[in-house]
């Protein structure tokens, strides 16, 4: 039976899946995060997915140049529209993060 005290069951599930993925992978954490970003581009993930993954990538020391490198690497495979969509979704995620931070500080 599910824990009825959980306030955010979907977010908790996603966080748990992410932790299990990190533990199960043979990749180092930085490479794993770069691969995750590439996968987000490939599936045309929404801004919320980038909001969940880009901060974690930043915590691993991944910078803008590396993210741009991922976009450049996958562009011939996924195409220009997916890369343009990813850039838009990343910018939206940044806007969401700023909005959430401002709301938390009110």
C-alpha atoms as a PDB file:
ATOM      1  CA  UNK A   1       0.000   0.000   0.000  1.00  0.00           C
ATOM      2  CA  UNK A   2       1.297   3.467  -0.890  1.00  0.00           C
ATOM      3  CA  UNK A   3       2.596   5.746   1.834  1.00  0.00           C
ATOM      4  CA  UNK A   4      -0.306   8.121   2.456  1.00  0.00           C
ATOM      5  CA  UNK A   5       2.026  10.712   4.023  1.00  0.00           C
ATOM      6  CA  UNK A   6       3.699  11.490   0.705  1.00  0.00           C
ATOM      7  CA  UNK A   7       2.847  14.971  -0.496  1.00  0.00           C
ATOM      8  CA  UNK A   8       4.278  14.584  -4.003  1.00  0.00           C
ATOM      9  CA  UNK A   9       4.028  10.933  -5.062  1.00  0.00           C
ATOM     10  CA  UNK A  10       4.833  11.516  -8.739  1.00  0.00           C
ATOM     11  CA  UNK A  11       7.890  13.659  -7.991  1.00  0.00           C
ATOM     12  CA  UNK A  12       9.003  11.161  -5.367  1.00  0.00           C
ATOM     13  CA  UNK A  13       8.688   8.330  -7.893  1.00  0.00           C
ATOM     14  CA  UNK A  14      10.675  10.242 -10.516  1.00  0.00           C
ATOM     15  CA  UNK A  15      13.371  11.082  -7.977  1.00  0.00           C
ATOM     16  CA  UNK A  16      13.550   7.443  -6.921  1.00  0.00           C
ATOM     17  CA  UNK A  17      13.834   6.290 -10.533  1.00  0.00           C
ATOM     18  CA  UNK A  18      16.641   8.772 -11.108  1.00  0.00           C
ATOM     19  CA  UNK A  19      18.566   7.609  -8.045  1.00  0.00           C
ATOM     20  CA  UNK A  20      18.173   3.965  -9.093  1.00  0.00           C
ATOM     21  CA  UNK A  21      19.336   4.840 -12.613  1.00  0.00           C
ATOM     22  CA  UNK A  22      22.447   6.538 -11.255  1.00  0.00           C
ATOM     23  CA  UNK A  23      23.228   3.563  -9.038  1.00  0.00           C
ATOM     24  CA  UNK A  24      22.633   0.975 -11.778  1.00  0.00           C
ATOM     25  CA  UNK A  25      24.649   2.661 -14.512  1.00  0.00           C
ATOM     26  CA  UNK A  26      28.279   1.827 -15.175  1.00  0.00           C
ATOM     27  CA  UNK A  27      28.809   5.365 -16.482  1.00  0.00           C
ATOM     28  CA  UNK A  28      30.405   8.036 -14.363  1.00  0.00           C
ATOM     29  CA  UNK A  29      27.890  10.614 -13.158  1.00  0.00           C
ATOM     30  CA  UNK A  30      29.003  13.389 -15.539  1.00  0.00           C
ATOM     31  CA  UNK A  31      28.733  11.135 -18.593  1.00  0.00           C
ATOM     32  CA  UNK A  32      25.383   9.815 -17.387  1.00  0.00           C
ATOM     33  CA  UNK A  33      23.985  13.349 -17.116  1.00  0.00           C
ATOM     34  CA  UNK A  34      25.248  14.249 -20.594  1.00  0.00           C
ATOM     35  CA  UNK A  35      23.590  11.115 -21.978  1.00  0.00           C
ATOM     36  CA  UNK A  36      20.361  12.021 -20.180  1.00  0.00           C
ATOM     37  CA  UNK A  37      20.422  15.476 -21.781  1.00  0.00           C
ATOM     38  CA  UNK A  38      20.949  13.870 -25.192  1.00  0.00           C
ATOM     39  CA  UNK A  39      18.001  11.553 -24.533  1.00  0.00           C
ATOM     40  CA  UNK A  40      15.805  14.500 -23.538  1.00  0.00           C
ATOM     41  CA  UNK A  41      16.636  16.155 -26.863  1.00  0.00           C
ATOM     42  CA  UNK A  42      15.912  12.941 -28.761  1.00  0.00           C
ATOM     43  CA  UNK A  43      12.449  12.497 -27.252  1.00  0.00           C
ATOM     44  CA  UNK A  44      11.569  16.222 -27.507  1.00  0.00           C
ATOM     45  CA  UNK A  45      11.146  16.439 -23.750  1.00  0.00           C
ATOM     46  CA  UNK A  46       9.132  19.286 -22.225  1.00  0.00           C
ATOM     47  CA  UNK A  47      10.634  22.110 -20.176  1.00  0.00           C
ATOM     48  CA  UNK A  48       9.749  20.356 -16.913  1.00  0.00           C
ATOM     49  CA  UNK A  49      12.077  17.479 -17.806  1.00  0.00           C
ATOM     50  CA  UNK A  50      14.950  19.886 -18.355  1.00  0.00           C
ATOM     51  CA  UNK A  51      14.036  21.619 -15.097  1.00  0.00           C
ATOM     52  CA  UNK A  52      14.536  18.301 -13.331  1.00  0.00           C
ATOM     53  CA  UNK A  53      17.788  17.371 -15.078  1.00  0.00           C
ATOM     54  CA  UNK A  54      19.784  20.532 -15.804  1.00  0.00           C
ATOM     55  CA  UNK A  55      20.298  21.474 -12.140  1.00  0.00           C
ATOM     56  CA  UNK A  56      21.538  17.942 -11.429  1.00  0.00           C
ATOM     57  CA  UNK A  57      23.885  18.226 -14.407  1.00  0.00           C
ATOM     58  CA  UNK A  58      25.154  21.537 -13.063  1.00  0.00           C
ATOM     59  CA  UNK A  59      25.834  19.908  -9.708  1.00  0.00           C
ATOM     60  CA  UNK A  60      28.095  17.461 -11.566  1.00  0.00           C
ATOM     61  CA  UNK A  61      30.061  20.362 -13.033  1.00  0.00           C
ATOM     62  CA  UNK A  62      28.462  20.226 -16.468  1.00  0.00           C
ATOM     63  CA  UNK A  63      28.558  23.683 -18.007  1.00  0.00           C
ATOM     64  CA  UNK A  64      26.888  25.446 -20.921  1.00  0.00           C
ATOM     65  CA  UNK A  65      29.701  24.509 -23.306  1.00  0.00           C
ATOM     66  CA  UNK A  66      29.184  20.815 -22.584  1.00  0.00           C
ATOM     67  CA  UNK A  67      25.414  21.098 -23.103  1.00  0.00           C
ATOM     68  CA  UNK A  68      26.075  22.879 -26.396  1.00  0.00           C
ATOM     69  CA  UNK A  69      28.463  20.054 -27.260  1.00  0.00           C
ATOM     70  CA  UNK A  70      25.678  17.543 -26.671  1.00  0.00           C
ATOM     71  CA  UNK A  71      23.318  19.545 -28.878  1.00  0.00           C
ATOM     72  CA  UNK A  72      25.960  19.681 -31.612  1.00  0.00           C
ATOM     73  CA  UNK A  73      26.646  15.961 -31.320  1.00  0.00           C
ATOM     74  CA  UNK A  74      23.013  14.876 -31.589  1.00  0.00           C
ATOM     75  CA  UNK A  75      21.904  17.393 -34.234  1.00  0.00           C
ATOM     76  CA  UNK A  76      22.821  15.187 -37.219  1.00  0.00           C
ATOM     77  CA  UNK A  77      20.870  12.312 -35.669  1.00  0.00           C
ATOM     78  CA  UNK A  78      17.748  14.027 -34.316  1.00  0.00           C
ATOM     79  CA  UNK A  79      17.629  16.999 -36.697  1.00  0.00           C
ATOM     80  CA  UNK A  80      17.506  20.753 -36.414  1.00  0.00           C
ATOM     81  CA  UNK A  81      13.861  20.950 -35.284  1.00  0.00           C
ATOM     82  CA  UNK A  82      14.508  18.754 -32.227  1.00  0.00           C
ATOM     83  CA  UNK A  83      17.604  20.739 -31.291  1.00  0.00           C
ATOM     84  CA  UNK A  84      15.727  24.040 -31.689  1.00  0.00           C
ATOM     85  CA  UNK A  85      12.905  22.635 -29.589  1.00  0.00           C
ATOM     86  CA  UNK A  86      15.384  21.529 -26.919  1.00  0.00           C
ATOM     87  CA  UNK A  87      16.929  24.994 -26.736  1.00  0.00           C
ATOM     88  CA  UNK A  88      13.448  26.500 -26.367  1.00  0.00           C
ATOM     89  CA  UNK A  89      12.523  24.009 -23.644  1.00  0.00           C
ATOM     90  CA  UNK A  90      15.793  24.672 -21.799  1.00  0.00           C
ATOM     91  CA  UNK A  91      15.068  28.412 -21.848  1.00  0.00           C
ATOM     92  CA  UNK A  92      11.542  27.739 -20.591  1.00  0.00           C
ATOM     93  CA  UNK A  93      12.995  25.582 -17.803  1.00  0.00           C
ATOM     94  CA  UNK A  94      15.270  28.448 -16.795  1.00  0.00           C
ATOM     95  CA  UNK A  95      12.246  30.744 -16.671  1.00  0.00           C
ATOM     96  CA  UNK A  96      10.354  28.216 -14.560  1.00  0.00           C
ATOM     97  CA  UNK A  97      13.297  27.924 -12.175  1.00  0.00           C
ATOM     98  CA  UNK A  98      13.430  31.702 -11.784  1.00  0.00           C
ATOM     99  CA  UNK A  99       9.668  31.870 -11.185  1.00  0.00           C
ATOM    100  CA  UNK A 100       9.855  29.100  -8.580  1.00  0.00           C
ATOM    101  CA  UNK A 101      12.754  30.806  -6.825  1.00  0.00           C
ATOM    102  CA  UNK A 102      10.916  34.125  -6.736  1.00  0.00           C
ATOM    103  CA  UNK A 103       7.758  32.450  -5.415  1.00  0.00           C
ATOM    104  CA  UNK A 104       9.756  30.722  -2.684  1.00  0.00           C
ATOM    105  CA  UNK A 105      11.257  34.044  -1.597  1.00  0.00           C
ATOM    106  CA  UNK A 106       7.907  35.797  -1.216  1.00  0.00           C
END
